[in-house]
Amino acid sequence: MSRRPRLYFSFRSPYSWLTVLRLREAVPDACETVDFFPYWDPDEQTGRALAERGGEFHYIQMSRAKHLYMLLDTKRLAQQQGLAMAWPIDVDPWWELPHLAWLYARRQGRAWEFYDAVTEARWGRGDNICDPEVVRAAARQAGLDPEAAIAAAGDPDIRAEAVGSLYQAYLDDVFGIPYLKWGRHRFWGFDRLDAFLDAWRPVLQGANA
């Protein structure tokens, strides 16, 4: 399989945060060898544009019981990796703001500096990453223009790119995060990362030999 793996991530998901962290530790050049796609609950404008392209959003909101389980499970996983973790409280979040700002950061060649600043804010401090001031601070930390990062959610070109990301997720049958797709293979969740690495890393190493 010559196609590059695709990894769908979300700033909302602690499992996504832990998976991307482990992947980058296991494969130091993962940011160059894997294609990353942001995935989030679309607002009305993005959802309408996605539907106009013939796409749907497969994710279903979790129950309170599942949310409480995830809270305990991710804290346990973080502790196993020696990570301190804060649990943010999301009140009427607008997920376009951080995710489209990441698309802007990628255009500026600062995707991972911004990604690290946002995940540090959310999972390290429990900040509300849908607050414009938090996104501005993350942009400054990443060496980006903070006002341009905020404006990304209103940029028609970046909006179109965002819709394209969610449409690709629809084509790849993404229903939860994190989600890895490589050729015919699909891996959903933090606990499937090792299975993905077992399948992909020998091929990657062979290509680099």
N, C-alpha and C. Protein backbone atom coordinates (compact mmCIF):
# COMPACT_ATOMS: atom_id res chain seq x y z
N MET A 1 0.84 -1.19 0.00
CA MET A 1 0.00 0.00 0.00
C MET A 1 0.88 1.25 0.00
N SER A 2 0.78 2.01 -1.07
CA SER A 2 1.62 3.20 -1.19
C SER A 2 1.00 4.43 -0.56
N ARG A 3 -0.30 4.41 -0.30
CA ARG A 3 -0.95 5.58 0.26
C ARG A 3 -0.47 5.85 1.68
N ARG A 4 -0.42 7.13 2.00
CA ARG A 4 -0.03 7.50 3.37
C ARG A 4 -1.21 7.28 4.31
N PRO A 5 -0.91 6.95 5.57
CA PRO A 5 -1.99 6.83 6.54
C PRO A 5 -2.66 8.19 6.78
N ARG A 6 -3.92 8.14 7.14
CA ARG A 6 -4.66 9.34 7.53
C ARG A 6 -5.07 9.19 8.99
N LEU A 7 -4.82 10.21 9.77
CA LEU A 7 -5.23 10.21 11.17
C LEU A 7 -6.19 11.37 11.40
N TYR A 8 -7.37 11.04 11.88
CA TYR A 8 -8.37 12.05 12.21
C TYR A 8 -8.26 12.34 13.71
N PHE A 9 -8.06 13.60 14.04
CA PHE A 9 -7.88 14.00 15.43
C PHE A 9 -8.88 15.10 15.79
N SER A 10 -9.08 15.27 17.07
CA SER A 10 -9.97 16.33 17.55
C SER A 10 -9.40 16.92 18.82
N PHE A 11 -9.41 18.25 18.90
CA PHE A 11 -9.00 18.90 20.14
C PHE A 11 -9.97 18.60 21.28
N ARG A 12 -11.16 18.18 20.94
CA ARG A 12 -12.15 17.87 21.97
C ARG A 12 -11.82 16.57 22.72
N SER A 13 -11.21 15.62 22.04
CA SER A 13 -11.09 14.25 22.55
C SER A 13 -9.80 14.01 23.32
N PRO A 14 -9.89 13.56 24.56
CA PRO A 14 -8.66 13.20 25.28
C PRO A 14 -7.99 11.97 24.69
N TYR A 15 -8.77 11.04 24.14
CA TYR A 15 -8.17 9.87 23.49
C TYR A 15 -7.35 10.29 22.27
N SER A 16 -7.84 11.28 21.56
CA SER A 16 -7.08 11.82 20.42
C SER A 16 -5.77 12.41 20.90
N TRP A 17 -5.82 13.21 21.94
CA TRP A 17 -4.61 13.82 22.50
C TRP A 17 -3.58 12.76 22.88
N LEU A 18 -4.02 11.72 23.58
CA LEU A 18 -3.10 10.67 24.02
C LEU A 18 -2.56 9.87 22.84
N THR A 19 -3.39 9.62 21.84
CA THR A 19 -2.95 8.85 20.67
C THR A 19 -1.91 9.61 19.86
N VAL A 20 -2.17 10.89 19.59
CA VAL A 20 -1.21 11.68 18.82
C VAL A 20 0.10 11.80 19.58
N LEU A 21 0.02 11.96 20.88
CA LEU A 21 1.23 12.04 21.70
C LEU A 21 2.05 10.77 21.58
N ARG A 22 1.41 9.62 21.73
CA ARG A 22 2.13 8.34 21.63
C ARG A 22 2.66 8.09 20.24
N LEU A 23 1.88 8.45 19.23
CA LEU A 23 2.33 8.25 17.86
C LEU A 23 3.59 9.07 17.58
N ARG A 24 3.60 10.31 18.03
CA ARG A 24 4.76 11.18 17.79
C ARG A 24 5.98 10.70 18.57
N GLU A 25 5.76 10.08 19.71
CA GLU A 25 6.88 9.50 20.46
C GLU A 25 7.40 8.24 19.77
N ALA A 26 6.50 7.41 19.25
CA ALA A 26 6.89 6.15 18.63
C ALA A 26 7.51 6.35 17.26
N VAL A 27 7.00 7.35 16.53
CA VAL A 27 7.47 7.64 15.18
C VAL A 27 7.80 9.13 15.12
N PRO A 28 9.03 9.52 15.40
CA PRO A 28 9.37 10.94 15.51
C PRO A 28 9.02 11.78 14.29
N ASP A 29 9.00 11.17 13.11
CA ASP A 29 8.66 11.96 11.92
C ASP A 29 7.21 11.72 11.48
N ALA A 30 6.35 11.33 12.42
CA ALA A 30 4.95 11.04 12.09
C ALA A 30 4.25 12.25 11.47
N CYS A 31 4.63 13.44 11.91
CA CYS A 31 3.97 14.64 11.38
C CYS A 31 4.26 14.85 9.91
N GLU A 32 5.33 14.21 9.41
CA GLU A 32 5.68 14.31 7.99
C GLU A 32 5.25 13.10 7.20
N THR A 33 4.97 11.98 7.86
CA THR A 33 4.67 10.74 7.15
C THR A 33 3.21 10.31 7.26
N VAL A 34 2.43 11.01 8.08
CA VAL A 34 1.01 10.73 8.24
C VAL A 34 0.25 12.00 7.87
N ASP A 35 -0.87 11.85 7.20
CA ASP A 35 -1.73 12.99 6.89
C ASP A 35 -2.75 13.16 8.01
N PHE A 36 -2.76 14.33 8.61
CA PHE A 36 -3.64 14.62 9.74
C PHE A 36 -4.84 15.44 9.28
N PHE A 37 -6.02 15.04 9.73
CA PHE A 37 -7.26 15.72 9.40
C PHE A 37 -7.99 16.10 10.70
N PRO A 38 -8.31 17.38 10.88
CA PRO A 38 -9.10 17.74 12.06
C PRO A 38 -10.54 17.28 11.91
N TYR A 39 -11.15 16.95 13.03
CA TYR A 39 -12.52 16.41 13.05
C TYR A 39 -13.21 16.99 14.27
N TRP A 40 -14.39 17.53 14.08
CA TRP A 40 -15.08 18.22 15.19
C TRP A 40 -16.57 18.25 14.90
N ASP A 41 -17.37 18.59 15.89
CA ASP A 41 -18.80 18.76 15.72
C ASP A 41 -19.04 20.04 14.92
N PRO A 42 -19.53 19.96 13.69
CA PRO A 42 -19.66 21.16 12.87
C PRO A 42 -20.79 22.08 13.34
N ASP A 43 -20.59 23.38 13.15
CA ASP A 43 -21.67 24.31 13.42
C ASP A 43 -22.66 24.28 12.25
N GLU A 44 -23.69 25.10 12.32
CA GLU A 44 -24.75 25.05 11.31
C GLU A 44 -24.20 25.35 9.91
N GLN A 45 -23.33 26.33 9.81
CA GLN A 45 -22.78 26.71 8.51
C GLN A 45 -21.95 25.57 7.90
N THR A 46 -21.07 25.01 8.70
CA THR A 46 -20.23 23.91 8.20
C THR A 46 -21.08 22.68 7.90
N GLY A 47 -22.03 22.39 8.78
CA GLY A 47 -22.90 21.23 8.56
C GLY A 47 -23.71 21.35 7.29
N ARG A 48 -24.19 22.55 7.02
CA ARG A 48 -24.96 22.77 5.79
C ARG A 48 -24.09 22.58 4.55
N ALA A 49 -22.86 23.12 4.60
CA ALA A 49 -21.95 22.97 3.46
C ALA A 49 -21.56 21.51 3.27
N LEU A 50 -21.40 20.77 4.38
CA LEU A 50 -21.07 19.35 4.28
C LEU A 50 -22.22 18.59 3.61
N ALA A 51 -23.45 18.91 4.01
CA ALA A 51 -24.61 18.24 3.43
C ALA A 51 -24.74 18.57 1.94
N GLU A 52 -24.41 19.78 1.56
CA GLU A 52 -24.48 20.18 0.15
C GLU A 52 -23.49 19.38 -0.71
N ARG A 53 -22.40 18.92 -0.10
CA ARG A 53 -21.44 18.09 -0.82
C ARG A 53 -21.84 16.62 -0.83
N GLY A 54 -22.91 16.32 -0.12
CA GLY A 54 -23.38 14.94 -0.06
C GLY A 54 -22.83 14.17 1.11
N GLY A 55 -22.22 14.85 2.09
CA GLY A 55 -21.63 14.20 3.24
C GLY A 55 -22.53 14.25 4.47
N GLU A 56 -22.18 13.45 5.46
CA GLU A 56 -22.88 13.42 6.74
C GLU A 56 -21.84 13.40 7.85
N PHE A 57 -22.30 13.67 9.05
CA PHE A 57 -21.44 13.61 10.23
C PHE A 57 -21.86 12.38 11.02
N HIS A 58 -21.00 11.35 11.02
CA HIS A 58 -21.39 10.05 11.58
C HIS A 58 -21.38 10.00 13.11
N TYR A 59 -20.66 10.92 13.75
CA TYR A 59 -20.48 10.84 15.19
C TYR A 59 -21.81 11.05 15.92
N ILE A 60 -22.04 10.26 16.96
CA ILE A 60 -23.24 10.38 17.80
C ILE A 60 -22.80 10.79 19.19
N GLN A 61 -23.48 11.79 19.75
CA GLN A 61 -23.12 12.28 21.08
C GLN A 61 -23.24 11.15 22.12
N MET A 62 -22.31 11.14 23.04
CA MET A 62 -22.28 10.08 24.05
C MET A 62 -23.24 10.36 25.20
N SER A 63 -23.60 9.31 25.90
CA SER A 63 -24.46 9.43 27.07
C SER A 63 -23.66 9.95 28.27
N ARG A 64 -24.35 10.36 29.30
CA ARG A 64 -23.68 10.82 30.52
C ARG A 64 -22.85 9.70 31.13
N ALA A 65 -23.39 8.47 31.10
CA ALA A 65 -22.66 7.33 31.67
C ALA A 65 -21.35 7.10 30.92
N LYS A 66 -21.40 7.19 29.60
CA LYS A 66 -20.17 6.99 28.81
C LYS A 66 -19.19 8.13 29.06
N HIS A 67 -19.71 9.34 29.21
CA HIS A 67 -18.85 10.50 29.48
C HIS A 67 -18.10 10.32 30.80
N LEU A 68 -18.81 9.85 31.83
CA LEU A 68 -18.17 9.64 33.13
C LEU A 68 -17.12 8.53 33.05
N TYR A 69 -17.42 7.48 32.30
CA TYR A 69 -16.44 6.41 32.11
C TYR A 69 -15.19 6.96 31.43
N MET A 70 -15.39 7.75 30.38
CA MET A 70 -14.26 8.31 29.63
C MET A 70 -13.40 9.19 30.52
N LEU A 71 -14.03 9.95 31.40
CA LEU A 71 -13.29 10.80 32.32
C LEU A 71 -12.33 9.97 33.17
N LEU A 72 -12.84 8.90 33.77
CA LEU A 72 -12.01 8.05 34.62
C LEU A 72 -10.95 7.30 33.80
N ASP A 73 -11.36 6.82 32.63
CA ASP A 73 -10.45 6.02 31.81
C ASP A 73 -9.28 6.86 31.29
N THR A 74 -9.55 8.04 30.81
CA THR A 74 -8.48 8.86 30.25
C THR A 74 -7.55 9.38 31.34
N LYS A 75 -8.08 9.65 32.50
CA LYS A 75 -7.20 10.06 33.60
C LYS A 75 -6.27 8.91 33.98
N ARG A 76 -6.79 7.70 33.97
CA ARG A 76 -5.97 6.52 34.27
C ARG A 76 -4.89 6.34 33.20
N LEU A 77 -5.26 6.49 31.95
CA LEU A 77 -4.28 6.36 30.87
C LEU A 77 -3.22 7.44 30.94
N ALA A 78 -3.63 8.65 31.26
CA ALA A 78 -2.66 9.75 31.38
C ALA A 78 -1.68 9.48 32.51
N GLN A 79 -2.19 9.00 33.64
CA GLN A 79 -1.32 8.70 34.78
C GLN A 79 -0.32 7.61 34.42
N GLN A 80 -0.76 6.61 33.65
CA GLN A 80 0.14 5.53 33.24
C GLN A 80 1.30 6.05 32.40
N GLN A 81 1.07 7.15 31.70
CA GLN A 81 2.12 7.74 30.87
C GLN A 81 2.84 8.88 31.58
N GLY A 82 2.56 9.07 32.87
CA GLY A 82 3.23 10.09 33.64
C GLY A 82 2.80 11.50 33.30
N LEU A 83 1.53 11.64 32.83
CA LEU A 83 1.03 12.95 32.42
C LEU A 83 0.04 13.49 33.43
N ALA A 84 0.18 14.77 33.74
CA ALA A 84 -0.84 15.45 34.52
C ALA A 84 -1.95 15.86 33.56
N MET A 85 -3.19 15.70 33.97
CA MET A 85 -4.31 15.98 33.08
C MET A 85 -5.38 16.76 33.82
N ALA A 86 -5.80 17.86 33.21
CA ALA A 86 -6.93 18.63 33.72
C ALA A 86 -8.14 18.34 32.84
N TRP A 87 -9.33 18.32 33.43
CA TRP A 87 -10.53 18.04 32.65
C TRP A 87 -11.31 19.34 32.46
N PRO A 88 -11.37 19.85 31.23
CA PRO A 88 -12.06 21.12 30.99
C PRO A 88 -13.57 20.96 31.01
N ILE A 89 -14.25 22.03 31.28
CA ILE A 89 -15.71 22.07 31.24
C ILE A 89 -16.12 22.82 29.97
N ASP A 90 -16.81 22.14 29.07
CA ASP A 90 -17.23 22.75 27.81
C ASP A 90 -18.68 23.23 27.93
N VAL A 91 -18.88 24.52 27.79
CA VAL A 91 -20.22 25.11 27.84
C VAL A 91 -20.47 25.79 26.50
N ASP A 92 -21.43 25.25 25.74
CA ASP A 92 -21.76 25.77 24.41
C ASP A 92 -20.50 26.01 23.57
N PRO A 93 -19.66 25.00 23.38
CA PRO A 93 -18.40 25.21 22.65
C PRO A 93 -18.64 25.42 21.16
N TRP A 94 -17.79 26.23 20.57
CA TRP A 94 -17.80 26.44 19.11
C TRP A 94 -16.49 25.87 18.59
N TRP A 95 -16.55 24.61 18.15
CA TRP A 95 -15.33 23.88 17.84
C TRP A 95 -14.65 24.35 16.56
N GLU A 96 -15.38 25.09 15.72
CA GLU A 96 -14.73 25.66 14.54
C GLU A 96 -13.54 26.52 14.93
N LEU A 97 -13.65 27.24 16.03
CA LEU A 97 -12.61 28.22 16.38
C LEU A 97 -11.22 27.59 16.49
N PRO A 98 -10.99 26.59 17.33
CA PRO A 98 -9.64 26.02 17.41
C PRO A 98 -9.26 25.17 16.21
N HIS A 99 -10.22 24.45 15.63
CA HIS A 99 -9.87 23.54 14.53
C HIS A 99 -9.56 24.28 13.24
N LEU A 100 -10.30 25.34 12.94
CA LEU A 100 -9.99 26.12 11.74
C LEU A 100 -8.75 26.98 11.97
N ALA A 101 -8.50 27.36 13.20
CA ALA A 101 -7.23 28.05 13.51
C ALA A 101 -6.06 27.11 13.27
N TRP A 102 -6.24 25.80 13.54
CA TRP A 102 -5.17 24.84 13.24
C TRP A 102 -4.92 24.76 11.74
N LEU A 103 -5.99 24.80 10.94
CA LEU A 103 -5.80 24.79 9.49
C LEU A 103 -5.02 26.03 9.05
N TYR A 104 -5.33 27.17 9.66
CA TYR A 104 -4.55 28.38 9.37
C TYR A 104 -3.09 28.17 9.78
N ALA A 105 -2.86 27.61 10.96
CA ALA A 105 -1.49 27.39 11.43
C ALA A 105 -0.74 26.46 10.48
N ARG A 106 -1.41 25.46 9.95
CA ARG A 106 -0.75 24.55 9.01
C ARG A 106 -0.33 25.29 7.75
N ARG A 107 -1.15 26.20 7.30
CA ARG A 107 -0.78 27.00 6.12
C ARG A 107 0.45 27.85 6.38
N GLN A 108 0.64 28.22 7.63
CA GLN A 108 1.78 29.04 8.01
C GLN A 108 3.01 28.21 8.39
N GLY A 109 2.89 26.88 8.28
CA GLY A 109 4.00 26.01 8.65
C GLY A 109 4.21 25.89 10.14
N ARG A 110 3.14 26.16 10.93
CA ARG A 110 3.26 26.12 12.40
C ARG A 110 2.18 25.22 13.00
N ALA A 111 1.77 24.21 12.25
CA ALA A 111 0.66 23.36 12.70
C ALA A 111 0.93 22.73 14.05
N TRP A 112 2.14 22.18 14.23
CA TRP A 112 2.38 21.40 15.45
C TRP A 112 2.76 22.28 16.63
N GLU A 113 3.31 23.44 16.36
CA GLU A 113 3.50 24.39 17.45
C GLU A 113 2.15 24.85 18.01
N PHE A 114 1.21 25.10 17.09
CA PHE A 114 -0.13 25.52 17.54
C PHE A 114 -0.86 24.35 18.18
N TYR A 115 -0.75 23.16 17.59
CA TYR A 115 -1.39 21.97 18.18
C TYR A 115 -0.92 21.78 19.62
N ASP A 116 0.39 21.85 19.84
CA ASP A 116 0.92 21.64 21.18
C ASP A 116 0.44 22.71 22.15
N ALA A 117 0.34 23.94 21.69
CA ALA A 117 -0.13 25.03 22.55
C ALA A 117 -1.59 24.82 22.93
N VAL A 118 -2.41 24.37 21.98
CA VAL A 118 -3.84 24.15 22.26
C VAL A 118 -4.04 22.97 23.20
N THR A 119 -3.34 21.86 22.95
CA THR A 119 -3.52 20.70 23.82
C THR A 119 -2.96 20.97 25.22
N GLU A 120 -1.90 21.74 25.30
CA GLU A 120 -1.39 22.13 26.62
C GLU A 120 -2.43 22.94 27.38
N ALA A 121 -3.09 23.86 26.66
CA ALA A 121 -4.12 24.68 27.30
C ALA A 121 -5.29 23.81 27.75
N ARG A 122 -5.74 22.92 26.88
CA ARG A 122 -6.95 22.14 27.19
C ARG A 122 -6.71 21.05 28.21
N TRP A 123 -5.70 20.21 27.96
CA TRP A 123 -5.50 19.04 28.82
C TRP A 123 -4.48 19.29 29.93
N GLY A 124 -3.64 20.28 29.75
CA GLY A 124 -2.69 20.60 30.80
C GLY A 124 -3.25 21.54 31.86
N ARG A 125 -4.09 22.52 31.40
CA ARG A 125 -4.61 23.53 32.33
C ARG A 125 -6.12 23.52 32.46
N GLY A 126 -6.81 22.80 31.58
CA GLY A 126 -8.27 22.78 31.64
C GLY A 126 -8.91 24.04 31.09
N ASP A 127 -8.19 24.75 30.21
CA ASP A 127 -8.72 26.00 29.64
C ASP A 127 -9.81 25.69 28.62
N ASN A 128 -10.64 26.70 28.39
CA ASN A 128 -11.69 26.62 27.38
C ASN A 128 -11.10 27.04 26.04
N ILE A 129 -10.80 26.07 25.19
CA ILE A 129 -10.11 26.37 23.93
C ILE A 129 -11.06 26.93 22.87
N CYS A 130 -12.33 27.08 23.20
CA CYS A 130 -13.26 27.77 22.31
C CYS A 130 -13.41 29.24 22.72
N ASP A 131 -12.63 29.67 23.68
CA ASP A 131 -12.56 31.06 24.08
C ASP A 131 -11.54 31.76 23.18
N PRO A 132 -11.92 32.82 22.50
CA PRO A 132 -10.97 33.50 21.60
C PRO A 132 -9.67 33.90 22.28
N GLU A 133 -9.73 34.29 23.55
CA GLU A 133 -8.49 34.69 24.22
C GLU A 133 -7.54 33.51 24.40
N VAL A 134 -8.08 32.33 24.64
CA VAL A 134 -7.23 31.14 24.77
C VAL A 134 -6.60 30.80 23.42
N VAL A 135 -7.37 30.92 22.35
CA VAL A 135 -6.83 30.65 21.01
C VAL A 135 -5.78 31.69 20.65
N ARG A 136 -6.04 32.94 21.00
CA ARG A 136 -5.03 33.98 20.75
C ARG A 136 -3.72 33.66 21.47
N ALA A 137 -3.83 33.25 22.72
CA ALA A 137 -2.62 32.93 23.49
C ALA A 137 -1.89 31.75 22.88
N ALA A 138 -2.63 30.74 22.41
CA ALA A 138 -1.99 29.58 21.77
C ALA A 138 -1.29 30.01 20.48
N ALA A 139 -1.92 30.91 19.74
CA ALA A 139 -1.32 31.39 18.50
C ALA A 139 -0.01 32.14 18.79
N ARG A 140 -0.05 32.99 19.80
CA ARG A 140 1.19 33.71 20.15
C ARG A 140 2.29 32.73 20.55
N GLN A 141 1.93 31.73 21.35
CA GLN A 141 2.91 30.73 21.78
C GLN A 141 3.50 30.00 20.58
N ALA A 142 2.69 29.82 19.53
CA ALA A 142 3.13 29.10 18.33
C ALA A 142 3.82 30.01 17.32
N GLY A 143 3.95 31.29 17.64
CA GLY A 143 4.60 32.22 16.72
C GLY A 143 3.72 32.65 15.58
N LEU A 144 2.39 32.69 15.82
CA LEU A 144 1.43 33.06 14.80
C LEU A 144 0.77 34.39 15.12
N ASP A 145 0.19 35.00 14.11
CA ASP A 145 -0.61 36.20 14.29
C ASP A 145 -1.90 35.81 15.00
N PRO A 146 -2.13 36.25 16.23
CA PRO A 146 -3.31 35.80 16.97
C PRO A 146 -4.63 36.23 16.33
N GLU A 147 -4.66 37.42 15.73
CA GLU A 147 -5.90 37.87 15.11
C GLU A 147 -6.21 37.07 13.85
N ALA A 148 -5.18 36.70 13.11
CA ALA A 148 -5.40 35.88 11.92
C ALA A 148 -5.89 34.49 12.31
N ALA A 149 -5.38 33.97 13.43
CA ALA A 149 -5.85 32.66 13.91
C ALA A 149 -7.33 32.71 14.26
N ILE A 150 -7.75 33.77 14.93
CA ILE A 150 -9.16 33.93 15.28
C ILE A 150 -10.01 34.10 14.03
N ALA A 151 -9.49 34.86 13.06
CA ALA A 151 -10.25 35.15 11.84
C ALA A 151 -10.42 33.94 10.94
N ALA A 152 -9.65 32.88 11.18
CA ALA A 152 -9.71 31.70 10.30
C ALA A 152 -11.12 31.12 10.21
N ALA A 153 -11.85 31.15 11.32
CA ALA A 153 -13.20 30.57 11.32
C ALA A 153 -14.15 31.34 10.41
N GLY A 154 -13.80 32.57 10.06
CA GLY A 154 -14.64 33.36 9.16
C GLY A 154 -14.08 33.48 7.76
N ASP A 155 -12.97 32.81 7.48
CA ASP A 155 -12.33 32.88 6.18
C ASP A 155 -12.99 31.85 5.25
N PRO A 156 -13.63 32.29 4.15
CA PRO A 156 -14.34 31.34 3.27
C PRO A 156 -13.44 30.23 2.72
N ASP A 157 -12.18 30.56 2.44
CA ASP A 157 -11.28 29.56 1.88
C ASP A 157 -10.94 28.49 2.92
N ILE A 158 -10.68 28.93 4.15
CA ILE A 158 -10.39 27.97 5.21
C ILE A 158 -11.65 27.18 5.57
N ARG A 159 -12.80 27.83 5.53
CA ARG A 159 -14.06 27.12 5.76
C ARG A 159 -14.23 25.99 4.74
N ALA A 160 -13.92 26.30 3.48
CA ALA A 160 -14.03 25.27 2.44
C ALA A 160 -13.08 24.12 2.70
N GLU A 161 -11.86 24.43 3.15
CA GLU A 161 -10.91 23.38 3.49
C GLU A 161 -11.42 22.55 4.66
N ALA A 162 -12.05 23.21 5.63
CA ALA A 162 -12.60 22.50 6.78
C ALA A 162 -13.72 21.55 6.36
N VAL A 163 -14.59 22.02 5.49
CA VAL A 163 -15.66 21.15 4.98
C VAL A 163 -15.05 19.96 4.24
N GLY A 164 -13.98 20.21 3.50
CA GLY A 164 -13.31 19.12 2.81
C GLY A 164 -12.76 18.08 3.76
N SER A 165 -12.26 18.52 4.90
CA SER A 165 -11.74 17.59 5.89
C SER A 165 -12.86 16.70 6.44
N LEU A 166 -14.00 17.31 6.75
CA LEU A 166 -15.13 16.52 7.27
C LEU A 166 -15.74 15.65 6.18
N TYR A 167 -15.68 16.10 4.93
CA TYR A 167 -16.20 15.28 3.85
C TYR A 167 -15.31 14.05 3.64
N GLN A 168 -13.99 14.22 3.75
CA GLN A 168 -13.09 13.07 3.66
C GLN A 168 -13.35 12.10 4.81
N ALA A 169 -13.63 12.65 5.99
CA ALA A 169 -13.99 11.79 7.13
C ALA A 169 -15.25 10.98 6.83
N TYR A 170 -16.20 11.63 6.19
CA TYR A 170 -17.44 10.93 5.80
C TYR A 170 -17.11 9.79 4.83
N LEU A 171 -16.27 10.06 3.84
CA LEU A 171 -15.90 9.03 2.87
C LEU A 171 -15.15 7.88 3.53
N ASP A 172 -14.39 8.20 4.59
CA ASP A 172 -13.62 7.18 5.30
C ASP A 172 -14.41 6.52 6.42
N ASP A 173 -15.70 6.84 6.51
CA ASP A 173 -16.58 6.22 7.51
C ASP A 173 -16.15 6.51 8.95
N VAL A 174 -15.60 7.67 9.19
CA VAL A 174 -15.17 8.03 10.54
C VAL A 174 -16.40 8.25 11.42
N PHE A 175 -16.43 7.55 12.55
CA PHE A 175 -17.56 7.67 13.48
C PHE A 175 -17.10 8.00 14.89
N GLY A 176 -15.80 8.04 15.10
CA GLY A 176 -15.26 8.34 16.42
C GLY A 176 -13.80 8.71 16.29
N ILE A 177 -13.27 9.30 17.34
CA ILE A 177 -11.91 9.84 17.32
C ILE A 177 -11.12 9.28 18.49
N PRO A 178 -9.82 8.99 18.26
CA PRO A 178 -9.03 9.09 17.04
C PRO A 178 -9.35 7.94 16.09
N TYR A 179 -9.08 8.19 14.81
CA TYR A 179 -9.38 7.21 13.79
C TYR A 179 -8.25 7.23 12.77
N LEU A 180 -7.65 6.08 12.56
CA LEU A 180 -6.56 5.93 11.60
C LEU A 180 -7.03 5.08 10.43
N LYS A 181 -6.72 5.55 9.23
CA LYS A 181 -7.04 4.76 8.04
C LYS A 181 -5.79 4.66 7.18
N TRP A 182 -5.48 3.43 6.81
CA TRP A 182 -4.34 3.18 5.94
C TRP A 182 -4.74 2.10 4.96
N GLY A 183 -4.92 2.50 3.69
CA GLY A 183 -5.41 1.55 2.71
C GLY A 183 -6.75 1.00 3.14
N ARG A 184 -6.87 -0.32 3.16
CA ARG A 184 -8.13 -0.94 3.57
C ARG A 184 -8.25 -1.05 5.09
N HIS A 185 -7.18 -0.75 5.81
CA HIS A 185 -7.16 -0.93 7.25
C HIS A 185 -7.73 0.29 7.97
N ARG A 186 -8.47 0.01 9.03
CA ARG A 186 -9.04 1.07 9.87
C ARG A 186 -8.76 0.74 11.33
N PHE A 187 -8.40 1.77 12.08
CA PHE A 187 -8.08 1.58 13.51
C PHE A 187 -8.75 2.71 14.28
N TRP A 188 -9.66 2.35 15.18
CA TRP A 188 -10.40 3.35 15.94
C TRP A 188 -10.00 3.27 17.41
N GLY A 189 -9.58 4.39 17.96
CA GLY A 189 -9.35 4.48 19.40
C GLY A 189 -7.89 4.39 19.79
N PHE A 190 -7.62 4.88 20.98
CA PHE A 190 -6.28 4.88 21.55
C PHE A 190 -5.70 3.48 21.62
N ASP A 191 -6.54 2.50 21.97
CA ASP A 191 -6.03 1.14 22.17
C ASP A 191 -5.78 0.40 20.87
N ARG A 192 -6.03 1.03 19.73
CA ARG A 192 -5.72 0.40 18.43
C ARG A 192 -4.44 0.97 17.82
N LEU A 193 -3.79 1.89 18.51
CA LEU A 193 -2.59 2.50 17.94
C LEU A 193 -1.49 1.46 17.74
N ASP A 194 -1.29 0.57 18.71
CA ASP A 194 -0.24 -0.44 18.57
C ASP A 194 -0.50 -1.35 17.37
N ALA A 195 -1.76 -1.69 17.15
CA ALA A 195 -2.09 -2.52 15.99
C ALA A 195 -1.76 -1.80 14.69
N PHE A 196 -2.04 -0.50 14.65
CA PHE A 196 -1.68 0.29 13.47
C PHE A 196 -0.16 0.31 13.28
N LEU A 197 0.57 0.55 14.37
CA LEU A 197 2.03 0.61 14.27
C LEU A 197 2.62 -0.73 13.84
N ASP A 198 2.05 -1.82 14.34
CA ASP A 198 2.54 -3.15 13.96
C ASP A 198 2.38 -3.37 12.46
N ALA A 199 1.30 -2.83 11.89
CA ALA A 199 1.06 -3.03 10.46
C ALA A 199 1.85 -2.05 9.61
N TRP A 200 1.97 -0.82 10.05
CA TRP A 200 2.52 0.24 9.19
C TRP A 200 4.02 0.44 9.34
N ARG A 201 4.55 0.30 10.56
CA ARG A 201 5.94 0.65 10.79
C ARG A 201 6.91 -0.21 9.97
N PRO A 202 6.69 -1.52 9.80
CA PRO A 202 7.61 -2.28 8.94
C PRO A 202 7.63 -1.76 7.49
N VAL A 203 6.48 -1.34 7.00
CA VAL A 203 6.43 -0.80 5.64
C VAL A 203 7.17 0.53 5.58
N LEU A 204 6.98 1.37 6.60
CA LEU A 204 7.66 2.65 6.66
C LEU A 204 9.17 2.45 6.73
N GLN A 205 9.60 1.52 7.57
CA GLN A 205 11.03 1.26 7.70
C GLN A 205 11.62 0.70 6.42
N GLY A 206 10.84 -0.13 5.72
CA GLY A 206 11.30 -0.67 4.45
C GLY A 206 11.47 0.42 3.40
N ALA A 207 10.56 1.39 3.42
CA ALA A 207 10.64 2.48 2.46
C ALA A 207 11.83 3.37 2.72
N ASN A 208 12.25 3.45 4.01
CA ASN A 208 13.38 4.30 4.39
C ASN A 208 14.72 3.58 4.34
N ALA A 209 14.66 2.26 4.06
CA ALA A 209 15.91 1.48 4.07
C ALA A 209 16.79 1.85 2.89
